[in-house]
Amino acid sequence: MRDLLKSSVLGSKHGSLMSWRPQYRSSKFRNVYGKVASREHCFDGIPITKNVHDNHFCAVNARFLAIVTESAGGGSFLVIPLEQTGRIEPNYPKVCGHQGNVLDIKWNPFIENIIASCSEDTSVRIWEIPEGGLKRNMTEAVLELYGHSRRVGLVEWHPTTNNILFSAGYDYKVLIWNLDIGEPVKMIDCHTDVILCMSFNTDGSLLATTCKDKKLRVVEPRSGRVLQEASCKNHRVNRVVFLGSTKRLLTTGVSRWNTRQIALWDQEDLSMPLIEEEIDGLSGLLFPFYDADTHMLYLAGKGDGNIRYYEIGSEKPYLSYLMEFRSPAPQKGLGVMPKHGLDVSACEVFRFYKLVTLKGLIEPISMIVPRRSETYQEDIYPMTPGTEPALTPDEWLSGVNRDPILMSLKEGYKKTSKIVFKAPVREKKSVVVNGIDLLENVPPRTENELLRMFFRQQDEIRRLKDELSQKDIQIRQLHLELKNLRNSPKNN
């Protein structure tokens, strides 16, 4: 018994023997397993982007799958109806309005055919996908949002409020957009380097960020005030996720020994992590995914085919290892199906869409709880956040917080939302937030705009040269007049 306890302690300390844990605790999710979809239910022949930016390049909801693709002369992504599995033709229509590589895409949680994208061209764009998907290339966005002075790496929709979107740029700023008016209404300006990840708590009243400056922050988004800050000098934090309503955060990163590790934090005190756990010695980024309904945490390694999963508890050791899904095919990124899009009849509690770049393949992976009964399993499907927003933008911006509106999955998913996206009419030439005109120093976004700027500058240079020439003539005239004045008979 002493040897078993010793092994358990060593496992929790070094992560190498974590597989001991399932044998010593009881859990309804102890036997959860990953089931890969058959080849005919995968999406094949997709030119997945080769961009090295650390994002998923994939977004999924109950109707569509979106994937960022390789493209020449700008950025583009595919939008495919979920039922349209199998081989995708090379000339399949794309969303291709950006002038630079697309770096992130996210579906609106409340309007299923609205997707946000951000790009190296400094813009954030909102796209409205037609019923049934695209029939031709889409180049016109319903909204083009400019405010960042450098490329935009991340977008996130607010979890409870309709039409509030967050974007993080390489200018170290987070802009909060009210899409009802098509303008940024707040700016979070507390970071000193590139923002790597953003995560909301359940009601969206707090925002957690990781940054290249090795700091983990908890921010009140409407004021931009930093409530808590952890300086992770001895290791790098890459990703962060709020663990539901537990008031805890989980980060993934790299230890001082260059091993992948995770850390659990109290959101109200970031002075020290509650626990730190080394995972393995691989180099790829660890993507964390948390399911608040089952209290399960999934860790997926970029560049390998492993997905580990754990159960989060309220007491020490907080983190209990369950199992590991393994695959020889490395994943570039992973999309996650919202809860209401799962197959409850198969006891599916989570579904990934795995990007396999070398094969041009998108592979659904279902996490299944093995149950013999065919009846609805209430214990693994509690009420879950649905597709109705709890707040309007004005309510949230005025300081109101509200938990998500919950829905039952018992009857299966039915589209109930009647919300339609209405693009505002925008005529402003400047974007002023916190007294700063964000567009004042924005670089040109297209070749034509660059040419127009060049010719404007040439005209300005010619005008200044003419002015200088006129001033030079005036100066020479004044010198002559002064000389004549000195040589006049009166002065002799």
Protein backbone atom coordinates (compact mmCIF):
# COMPACT_ATOMS: atom_id res chain seq x y z
CA MET A 1 0.00 0.00 0.00
CA ARG A 2 2.91 2.30 0.87
CA ASP A 3 4.39 1.72 -2.62
CA LEU A 4 1.06 2.59 -4.27
CA LEU A 5 0.81 5.82 -2.28
CA LYS A 6 4.39 6.66 -3.19
CA SER A 7 3.62 6.09 -6.87
CA SER A 8 0.55 8.32 -6.61
CA VAL A 9 2.59 11.14 -5.03
CA LEU A 10 5.31 10.81 -7.66
CA GLY A 11 2.68 10.88 -10.37
CA SER A 12 1.13 14.11 -9.10
CA LYS A 13 4.56 15.68 -8.77
CA HIS A 14 6.05 14.76 -12.12
CA GLY A 15 3.06 13.96 -14.32
CA SER A 16 4.71 10.75 -15.52
CA LEU A 17 2.55 8.39 -13.45
CA MET A 18 -0.74 10.25 -13.64
CA SER A 19 -2.40 7.14 -15.07
CA TRP A 20 -2.45 5.70 -11.52
CA ARG A 21 -5.21 8.10 -10.55
CA PRO A 22 -8.29 6.57 -12.23
CA GLN A 23 -7.82 3.38 -10.21
CA TYR A 24 -8.36 5.17 -6.92
CA ARG A 25 -11.38 7.39 -7.43
CA SER A 26 -14.94 6.89 -8.51
CA SER A 27 -16.33 9.04 -11.31
CA LYS A 28 -19.17 8.75 -13.82
CA PHE A 29 -16.69 10.01 -16.44
CA ARG A 30 -13.99 7.46 -15.57
CA ASN A 31 -14.62 5.50 -18.78
CA VAL A 32 -15.19 8.35 -21.23
CA TYR A 33 -13.58 7.45 -24.55
CA GLY A 34 -12.86 9.23 -27.83
CA LYS A 35 -14.59 7.96 -30.95
CA VAL A 36 -13.26 9.08 -34.34
CA ALA A 37 -15.85 9.58 -37.10
CA SER A 38 -15.71 7.22 -40.07
CA ARG A 39 -13.96 8.57 -43.17
CA GLU A 40 -17.24 9.38 -44.97
CA HIS A 41 -18.23 11.63 -42.02
CA CYS A 42 -14.97 13.60 -42.19
CA PHE A 43 -14.22 16.65 -44.37
CA ASP A 44 -11.50 15.86 -46.90
CA GLY A 45 -9.44 17.73 -49.50
CA ILE A 46 -9.21 21.00 -47.55
CA PRO A 47 -6.11 23.22 -48.07
CA ILE A 48 -5.70 24.00 -44.36
CA THR A 49 -3.59 27.10 -43.72
CA LYS A 50 0.12 26.56 -43.03
CA ASN A 51 0.29 29.75 -40.96
CA VAL A 52 2.30 29.22 -37.76
CA HIS A 53 0.16 31.57 -35.65
CA ASP A 54 -0.90 29.72 -32.46
CA ASN A 55 -4.65 29.58 -33.07
CA HIS A 56 -7.15 26.88 -33.94
CA PHE A 57 -7.95 28.16 -37.48
CA CYS A 58 -11.30 26.42 -37.07
CA ALA A 59 -14.73 27.33 -35.70
CA VAL A 60 -17.87 25.21 -35.55
CA ASN A 61 -21.50 25.58 -34.50
CA ALA A 62 -24.63 23.45 -34.88
CA ARG A 63 -24.92 24.32 -38.59
CA PHE A 64 -21.54 25.21 -40.08
CA LEU A 65 -17.85 24.35 -39.99
CA ALA A 66 -15.40 27.16 -40.82
CA ILE A 67 -11.71 26.53 -41.61
CA VAL A 68 -8.94 29.01 -42.45
CA THR A 69 -7.28 27.97 -45.73
CA GLU A 70 -4.11 28.59 -47.70
CA SER A 71 -4.65 31.37 -50.22
CA ALA A 72 -2.61 33.65 -52.44
CA GLY A 73 -3.05 37.41 -52.42
CA GLY A 74 -5.05 37.70 -49.21
CA GLY A 75 -6.77 35.69 -46.52
CA SER A 76 -9.70 33.33 -46.89
CA PHE A 77 -11.67 30.67 -45.07
CA LEU A 78 -14.17 27.96 -46.00
CA VAL A 79 -17.67 27.68 -44.54
CA ILE A 80 -19.19 24.22 -45.00
CA PRO A 81 -22.64 23.02 -43.85
CA LEU A 82 -22.10 20.23 -41.30
CA GLU A 83 -24.11 17.71 -43.30
CA GLN A 84 -21.89 18.24 -46.37
CA THR A 85 -19.19 15.74 -45.38
CA GLY A 86 -16.78 13.94 -47.67
CA ARG A 87 -14.42 15.42 -50.24
CA ILE A 88 -14.55 19.19 -50.73
CA GLU A 89 -13.89 20.31 -54.31
CA PRO A 90 -10.83 22.57 -54.92
CA ASN A 91 -13.05 25.33 -56.37
CA TYR A 92 -15.45 25.30 -53.39
CA PRO A 93 -16.48 28.94 -52.69
CA LYS A 94 -14.64 30.83 -49.95
CA VAL A 95 -14.99 33.89 -47.76
CA CYS A 96 -12.11 35.90 -49.20
CA GLY A 97 -12.42 39.62 -48.48
CA HIS A 98 -9.35 40.13 -46.29
CA GLN A 99 -6.15 41.59 -47.77
CA GLY A 100 -3.91 39.61 -45.38
CA ASN A 101 -3.82 36.20 -43.74
CA VAL A 102 -6.83 35.37 -41.55
CA LEU A 103 -5.59 34.69 -38.00
CA ASP A 104 -8.78 33.86 -36.08
CA ILE A 105 -12.48 33.11 -36.71
CA LYS A 106 -15.37 32.79 -34.24
CA TRP A 107 -19.11 32.14 -34.69
CA ASN A 108 -21.61 34.44 -33.01
CA PRO A 109 -23.06 32.33 -30.14
CA PHE A 110 -26.57 33.79 -30.63
CA ILE A 111 -26.88 34.22 -34.43
CA GLU A 112 -25.80 31.03 -36.19
CA ASN A 113 -24.95 32.47 -39.60
CA ILE A 114 -22.80 35.36 -38.32
CA ILE A 115 -19.05 34.84 -38.06
CA ALA A 116 -16.24 37.23 -37.08
CA SER A 117 -12.75 37.09 -38.56
CA CYS A 118 -9.54 39.03 -37.94
CA SER A 119 -6.47 39.37 -40.08
CA GLU A 120 -2.97 40.63 -40.67
CA ASP A 121 -4.59 43.49 -42.65
CA THR A 122 -5.44 45.16 -39.25
CA SER A 123 -9.18 44.65 -39.70
CA VAL A 124 -11.95 42.71 -37.98
CA ARG A 125 -14.82 41.71 -40.27
CA ILE A 126 -18.32 40.40 -39.71
CA TRP A 127 -19.77 38.04 -42.31
CA GLU A 128 -23.35 36.87 -42.86
CA ILE A 129 -23.42 33.34 -44.30
CA PRO A 130 -26.50 32.54 -46.47
CA GLU A 131 -28.88 29.69 -45.62
CA GLY A 132 -27.38 26.45 -46.91
CA GLY A 133 -23.86 27.88 -47.15
CA LEU A 134 -21.96 29.70 -49.89
CA LYS A 135 -22.78 29.29 -53.57
CA ARG A 136 -20.05 31.69 -54.74
CA ASN A 137 -17.04 33.49 -53.25
CA MET A 138 -17.97 36.07 -50.63
CA THR A 139 -15.88 39.24 -50.72
CA GLU A 140 -18.19 41.78 -49.05
CA ALA A 141 -18.46 41.73 -45.25
CA VAL A 142 -21.54 43.17 -43.57
CA LEU A 143 -19.15 45.13 -41.30
CA GLU A 144 -15.50 46.10 -41.61
CA LEU A 145 -14.03 47.23 -38.30
CA TYR A 146 -10.82 49.28 -38.21
CA GLY A 147 -9.20 50.49 -35.01
CA HIS A 148 -6.05 48.43 -34.51
CA SER A 149 -2.78 49.84 -35.83
CA ARG A 150 -1.21 46.41 -36.32
CA ARG A 151 -2.46 42.93 -37.24
CA VAL A 152 -5.29 41.47 -35.19
CA GLY A 153 -4.62 38.03 -33.70
CA LEU A 154 -7.70 37.18 -31.63
CA VAL A 155 -11.46 37.71 -31.61
CA GLU A 156 -13.92 36.61 -28.90
CA TRP A 157 -17.68 37.11 -28.59
CA HIS A 158 -19.08 38.08 -25.20
CA PRO A 159 -20.71 34.97 -23.67
CA THR A 160 -24.00 36.54 -22.49
CA THR A 161 -24.42 39.78 -24.48
CA ASN A 162 -25.50 40.02 -28.09
CA ASN A 163 -23.31 41.96 -30.55
CA ILE A 164 -20.39 42.64 -28.19
CA LEU A 165 -17.09 41.51 -29.71
CA PHE A 166 -13.54 41.68 -28.31
CA SER A 167 -10.45 41.87 -30.52
CA ALA A 168 -6.78 41.72 -29.52
CA GLY A 169 -4.14 43.21 -31.79
CA TYR A 170 -0.37 43.21 -32.08
CA ASP A 171 -0.58 46.84 -30.95
CA TYR A 172 -1.05 45.31 -27.42
CA LYS A 173 -4.62 46.63 -27.18
CA VAL A 174 -7.97 44.90 -26.69
CA LEU A 175 -10.86 46.73 -28.35
CA ILE A 176 -14.47 46.14 -27.32
CA TRP A 177 -16.84 46.59 -30.27
CA ASN A 178 -20.54 47.34 -30.06
CA LEU A 179 -21.76 45.94 -33.37
CA ASP A 180 -25.12 47.69 -32.99
CA ILE A 181 -23.25 50.88 -33.90
CA GLY A 182 -20.20 49.32 -35.57
CA GLU A 183 -17.73 51.17 -33.33
CA PRO A 184 -15.24 50.30 -30.58
CA VAL A 185 -16.68 51.56 -27.29
CA LYS A 186 -13.93 50.58 -24.85
CA MET A 187 -10.20 49.93 -25.00
CA ILE A 188 -8.16 47.76 -22.62
CA ASP A 189 -4.62 49.12 -22.66
CA CYS A 190 -2.81 47.34 -19.82
CA HIS A 191 -0.61 44.92 -21.79
CA THR A 192 3.03 45.55 -22.67
CA ASP A 193 3.39 42.87 -25.35
CA VAL A 194 1.33 40.67 -27.70
CA ILE A 195 -1.81 39.17 -26.12
CA LEU A 196 -1.82 35.38 -26.53
CA CYS A 197 -5.23 34.36 -25.20
CA MET A 198 -8.51 35.77 -23.84
CA SER A 199 -11.08 33.93 -21.72
CA PHE A 200 -14.34 35.06 -20.08
CA ASN A 201 -15.89 33.91 -16.84
CA THR A 202 -19.45 32.54 -16.96
CA ASP A 203 -21.34 35.86 -17.02
CA GLY A 204 -18.68 37.80 -18.94
CA SER A 205 -17.97 40.23 -16.10
CA LEU A 206 -14.27 39.28 -16.03
CA LEU A 207 -11.67 38.76 -18.74
CA ALA A 208 -8.50 36.72 -18.21
CA THR A 209 -5.55 37.24 -20.55
CA THR A 210 -2.11 35.75 -21.12
CA CYS A 211 0.58 37.84 -22.73
CA LYS A 212 4.10 37.56 -24.14
CA ASP A 213 5.26 39.73 -21.24
CA LYS A 214 4.88 36.54 -19.09
CA LYS A 215 1.96 37.95 -17.11
CA LEU A 216 -1.44 36.47 -16.38
CA ARG A 217 -4.10 39.12 -15.78
CA VAL A 218 -7.70 39.24 -14.62
CA VAL A 219 -9.32 42.41 -15.98
CA GLU A 220 -12.65 44.14 -15.46
CA PRO A 221 -13.35 44.69 -19.18
CA ARG A 222 -15.63 47.73 -19.05
CA SER A 223 -13.20 49.84 -17.03
CA GLY A 224 -10.02 48.14 -18.26
CA ARG A 225 -8.89 47.87 -14.62
CA VAL A 226 -6.49 45.03 -13.78
CA LEU A 227 -7.93 43.26 -10.72
CA GLN A 228 -5.24 40.57 -10.38
CA GLU A 229 -1.88 40.03 -12.00
CA ALA A 230 0.61 37.15 -11.84
CA SER A 231 4.16 37.59 -13.05
CA CYS A 232 5.29 34.17 -14.29
CA LYS A 233 9.04 34.87 -14.52
CA ASN A 234 10.16 31.26 -14.22
CA HIS A 235 7.84 29.89 -16.91
CA ARG A 236 5.78 30.98 -19.90
CA VAL A 237 1.99 30.98 -19.78
CA ASN A 238 0.40 30.52 -23.20
CA ARG A 239 -3.29 29.76 -22.72
CA VAL A 240 -5.84 30.50 -20.00
CA VAL A 241 -9.40 29.32 -19.38
CA PHE A 242 -11.92 30.15 -16.66
CA LEU A 243 -13.18 26.98 -14.96
CA GLY A 244 -16.88 27.79 -14.98
CA SER A 245 -18.29 29.21 -11.73
CA THR A 246 -15.49 27.75 -9.54
CA LYS A 247 -13.65 31.11 -9.36
CA ARG A 248 -10.58 29.33 -10.65
CA LEU A 249 -8.40 29.67 -13.73
CA LEU A 250 -6.28 27.12 -15.51
CA THR A 251 -3.22 28.03 -17.57
CA THR A 252 -1.05 25.97 -19.89
CA GLY A 253 2.54 26.85 -20.63
CA VAL A 254 6.18 25.83 -20.48
CA SER A 255 8.21 25.36 -17.29
CA ARG A 256 11.75 26.57 -16.70
CA TRP A 257 12.87 23.04 -17.64
CA ASN A 258 11.16 23.38 -21.05
CA THR A 259 8.45 20.86 -20.21
CA ARG A 260 4.75 21.46 -20.88
CA GLN A 261 2.87 22.25 -17.71
CA ILE A 262 -0.50 23.35 -16.38
CA ALA A 263 -1.28 25.50 -13.36
CA LEU A 264 -4.47 26.10 -11.39
CA TRP A 265 -5.10 29.58 -9.93
CA ASP A 266 -7.55 31.28 -7.58
CA GLN A 267 -8.93 34.18 -9.67
CA GLU A 268 -9.02 36.41 -6.58
CA ASP A 269 -5.39 35.76 -5.62
CA LEU A 270 -2.82 35.19 -8.35
CA SER A 271 0.18 35.48 -6.03
CA MET A 272 0.80 31.71 -6.23
CA PRO A 273 -0.79 28.89 -8.24
CA LEU A 274 -2.88 26.41 -6.25
CA ILE A 275 -1.15 23.57 -8.07
CA GLU A 276 1.38 23.17 -10.87
CA GLU A 277 1.65 19.95 -12.86
CA GLU A 278 4.26 18.98 -15.43
CA ILE A 279 2.69 17.09 -18.34
CA ASP A 280 5.44 15.95 -20.72
CA GLY A 281 8.55 17.05 -22.55
CA LEU A 282 6.93 17.75 -25.94
CA SER A 283 7.29 21.21 -27.45
CA GLY A 284 3.85 21.90 -28.97
CA LEU A 285 1.38 24.31 -27.40
CA LEU A 286 -1.21 22.80 -25.04
CA PHE A 287 -4.78 23.91 -25.86
CA PRO A 288 -7.13 23.73 -22.83
CA PHE A 289 -10.90 23.17 -23.17
CA TYR A 290 -13.26 23.16 -20.20
CA ASP A 291 -16.78 21.73 -20.03
CA ALA A 292 -18.57 23.38 -17.09
CA ASP A 293 -21.49 20.89 -17.30
CA THR A 294 -19.36 17.79 -16.68
CA HIS A 295 -16.45 19.60 -14.93
CA MET A 296 -14.11 17.97 -17.41
CA LEU A 297 -10.91 19.55 -18.70
CA TYR A 298 -9.38 18.49 -22.02
CA LEU A 299 -5.75 19.19 -22.93
CA ALA A 300 -4.86 18.84 -26.60
CA GLY A 301 -1.29 19.20 -27.82
CA LYS A 302 -0.56 21.12 -31.00
CA GLY A 303 1.66 19.03 -33.26
CA ASP A 304 0.82 15.73 -31.55
CA GLY A 305 -2.32 13.59 -31.62
CA ASN A 306 -3.00 13.36 -27.88
CA ILE A 307 -6.02 14.66 -25.96
CA ARG A 308 -5.78 14.12 -22.21
CA TYR A 309 -8.83 14.62 -20.04
CA TYR A 310 -9.31 15.32 -16.37
CA GLU A 311 -12.06 15.98 -13.87
CA ILE A 312 -11.95 19.23 -11.91
CA GLY A 313 -12.91 18.98 -8.23
CA SER A 314 -13.62 21.59 -5.55
CA GLU A 315 -11.10 20.13 -3.10
CA LYS A 316 -7.47 19.07 -3.31
CA PRO A 317 -5.93 17.74 -5.47
CA TYR A 318 -8.50 19.66 -7.64
CA LEU A 319 -7.35 17.89 -10.81
CA SER A 320 -7.97 14.16 -11.36
CA TYR A 321 -6.60 12.45 -14.46
CA LEU A 322 -9.14 10.28 -16.29
CA MET A 323 -7.83 9.02 -19.61
CA GLU A 324 -5.99 9.91 -22.82
CA PHE A 325 -7.15 9.79 -26.43
CA ARG A 326 -4.25 9.00 -28.74
CA SER A 327 -3.87 9.33 -32.47
CA PRO A 328 -0.80 9.09 -34.73
CA ALA A 329 -2.01 12.06 -36.83
CA PRO A 330 -0.81 15.43 -35.40
CA GLN A 331 -3.39 18.18 -34.91
CA LYS A 332 -2.81 21.78 -36.04
CA GLY A 333 -5.90 23.07 -34.23
CA LEU A 334 -9.27 21.98 -32.89
CA GLY A 335 -12.78 23.33 -33.25
CA VAL A 336 -15.34 22.52 -30.54
CA MET A 337 -19.04 21.92 -31.07
CA PRO A 338 -21.33 23.96 -28.76
CA LYS A 339 -23.21 21.83 -26.26
CA HIS A 340 -26.58 22.11 -28.02
CA GLY A 341 -25.08 20.57 -31.18
CA LEU A 342 -24.09 17.26 -29.53
CA ASP A 343 -25.79 13.88 -30.07
CA VAL A 344 -27.41 13.24 -26.67
CA SER A 345 -28.81 9.89 -27.85
CA ALA A 346 -25.21 8.61 -28.12
CA CYS A 347 -24.24 10.06 -24.68
CA GLU A 348 -21.81 12.42 -26.44
CA VAL A 349 -20.50 15.02 -23.95
CA PHE A 350 -17.91 16.82 -26.12
CA ARG A 351 -16.95 16.93 -29.81
CA PHE A 352 -13.73 18.11 -31.38
CA TYR A 353 -13.09 18.89 -35.04
CA LYS A 354 -9.43 18.08 -35.55
CA LEU A 355 -7.35 19.75 -38.29
CA VAL A 356 -4.88 17.32 -39.87
CA THR A 357 -2.83 19.56 -42.17
CA LEU A 358 -0.80 16.93 -44.02
CA LYS A 359 -3.92 15.07 -45.11
CA GLY A 360 -6.11 18.15 -45.68
CA LEU A 361 -8.57 16.47 -43.34
CA ILE A 362 -11.05 17.64 -40.69
CA GLU A 363 -11.80 14.74 -38.37
CA PRO A 364 -14.69 14.81 -35.84
CA ILE A 365 -13.81 13.17 -32.50
CA SER A 366 -16.73 12.47 -30.13
CA MET A 367 -16.16 12.02 -26.39
CA ILE A 368 -18.65 9.37 -25.29
CA VAL A 369 -19.87 8.32 -21.82
CA PRO A 370 -20.58 4.58 -22.15
CA ARG A 371 -24.16 3.90 -20.99
CA ARG A 372 -26.38 0.91 -21.74
CA SER A 373 -29.67 2.70 -21.25
CA GLU A 374 -31.14 4.49 -24.30
CA THR A 375 -33.10 6.99 -22.20
CA TYR A 376 -32.01 10.62 -21.74
CA GLN A 377 -29.17 10.81 -19.19
CA GLU A 378 -30.07 13.78 -16.98
CA ASP A 379 -26.95 13.45 -14.82
CA ILE A 380 -24.56 14.11 -17.71
CA TYR A 381 -26.76 16.73 -19.43
CA PRO A 382 -27.70 19.43 -16.92
CA MET A 383 -29.27 22.70 -18.09
CA THR A 384 -26.67 24.40 -20.27
CA PRO A 385 -26.11 27.90 -21.76
CA GLY A 386 -28.36 28.22 -24.81
CA THR A 387 -28.65 30.40 -27.89
CA GLU A 388 -30.53 33.35 -26.37
CA PRO A 389 -28.55 36.39 -25.14
CA ALA A 390 -29.15 37.51 -21.57
CA LEU A 391 -28.27 41.18 -22.20
CA THR A 392 -28.29 43.89 -24.84
CA PRO A 393 -25.05 45.80 -25.54
CA ASP A 394 -26.37 48.91 -23.79
CA GLU A 395 -27.28 46.92 -20.67
CA TRP A 396 -23.87 45.29 -20.42
CA LEU A 397 -21.99 48.53 -21.13
CA SER A 398 -24.00 50.28 -18.38
CA GLY A 399 -22.65 47.77 -15.84
CA VAL A 400 -25.29 45.03 -15.73
CA ASN A 401 -24.11 41.40 -15.35
CA ARG A 402 -26.38 38.43 -15.94
CA ASP A 403 -25.80 34.68 -16.09
CA PRO A 404 -26.42 32.87 -19.40
CA ILE A 405 -29.98 31.82 -20.25
CA LEU A 406 -30.02 28.05 -19.85
CA MET A 407 -31.68 25.41 -22.03
CA SER A 408 -32.41 21.69 -21.72
CA LEU A 409 -30.98 19.23 -24.24
CA LYS A 410 -33.69 16.64 -23.55
CA GLU A 411 -35.73 17.31 -26.69
CA GLY A 412 -32.65 17.79 -28.87
CA TYR A 413 -31.64 21.05 -30.50
CA LYS A 414 -34.25 23.17 -32.23
CA LYS A 415 -33.47 26.58 -33.65
CA THR A 416 -35.42 29.05 -31.53
CA SER A 417 -33.48 32.29 -31.95
CA LYS A 418 -35.22 34.94 -34.04
CA ILE A 419 -32.36 37.42 -33.73
CA VAL A 420 -31.26 38.91 -37.05
CA PHE A 421 -28.01 40.82 -37.47
CA LYS A 422 -28.56 44.39 -38.68
CA ALA A 423 -25.44 46.12 -39.91
CA PRO A 424 -25.30 49.78 -38.83
CA VAL A 425 -24.67 52.57 -41.34
CA ARG A 426 -21.22 53.99 -40.65
CA GLU A 427 -20.02 57.34 -41.99
CA LYS A 428 -17.38 58.27 -39.42
CA LYS A 429 -13.85 58.83 -40.70
CA SER A 430 -12.33 58.66 -37.20
CA VAL A 431 -12.66 56.23 -34.29
CA VAL A 432 -12.16 57.91 -30.92
CA VAL A 433 -11.90 55.75 -27.78
CA ASN A 434 -10.61 57.08 -24.44
CA GLY A 435 -9.84 60.37 -26.20
CA ILE A 436 -7.54 58.68 -28.77
CA ASP A 437 -8.24 58.57 -32.50
CA LEU A 438 -7.45 54.93 -33.26
CA LEU A 439 -7.42 55.46 -37.04
CA GLU A 440 -4.92 58.31 -36.98
CA ASN A 441 -1.88 56.04 -37.39
CA VAL A 442 -3.47 53.01 -39.06
CA PRO A 443 -1.29 51.80 -41.98
CA PRO A 444 -2.74 51.39 -45.50
CA ARG A 445 -4.68 48.15 -45.95
CA THR A 446 -4.74 47.66 -49.73
CA GLU A 447 -2.44 48.37 -52.68
CA ASN A 448 -4.84 51.02 -54.03
CA GLU A 449 -4.95 52.72 -50.64
CA LEU A 450 -1.14 52.64 -50.53
CA LEU A 451 -0.97 54.22 -53.99
CA ARG A 452 -3.50 56.89 -53.03
CA MET A 453 -1.48 57.64 -49.90
CA PHE A 454 1.73 57.81 -51.98
CA PHE A 455 0.21 60.28 -54.48
CA ARG A 456 -1.25 62.38 -51.65
CA GLN A 457 2.19 62.53 -50.06
CA GLN A 458 3.76 63.47 -53.41
CA ASP A 459 1.23 66.31 -53.79
CA GLU A 460 1.96 67.43 -50.23
CA ILE A 461 5.74 67.38 -50.91
CA ARG A 462 5.24 69.44 -54.11
CA ARG A 463 3.08 71.93 -52.19
CA LEU A 464 5.68 72.27 -49.45
CA LYS A 465 8.45 72.71 -52.07
CA ASP A 466 6.44 75.49 -53.75
CA GLU A 467 5.89 77.17 -50.38
CA LEU A 468 9.60 76.87 -49.61
CA SER A 469 10.48 78.31 -53.00
CA GLN A 470 8.13 81.27 -52.43
CA LYS A 471 9.63 81.85 -48.97
CA ASP A 472 13.12 81.73 -50.51
CA ILE A 473 12.17 84.43 -53.06
CA GLN A 474 10.69 86.57 -50.28
CA ILE A 475 13.86 86.21 -48.21
CA ARG A 476 16.05 87.25 -51.13
CA GLN A 477 13.83 90.27 -51.78
CA LEU A 478 14.06 91.28 -48.12
CA HIS A 479 17.87 90.93 -48.27
CA LEU A 480 17.97 93.22 -51.34
CA GLU A 481 15.71 95.76 -49.70
CA LEU A 482 17.88 95.72 -46.56
CA LYS A 483 21.02 96.13 -48.67
CA ASN A 484 19.48 99.03 -50.63
CA LEU A 485 18.40 100.63 -47.38
CA ARG A 486 21.92 100.49 -45.99
CA ASN A 487 23.43 101.95 -49.22
CA SER A 488 20.93 104.78 -49.54
CA PRO A 489 22.31 108.47 -49.32
CA LYS A 490 20.35 109.13 -46.10
CA ASN A 491 22.38 106.50 -44.28
CA ASN A 492 25.69 107.90 -45.55
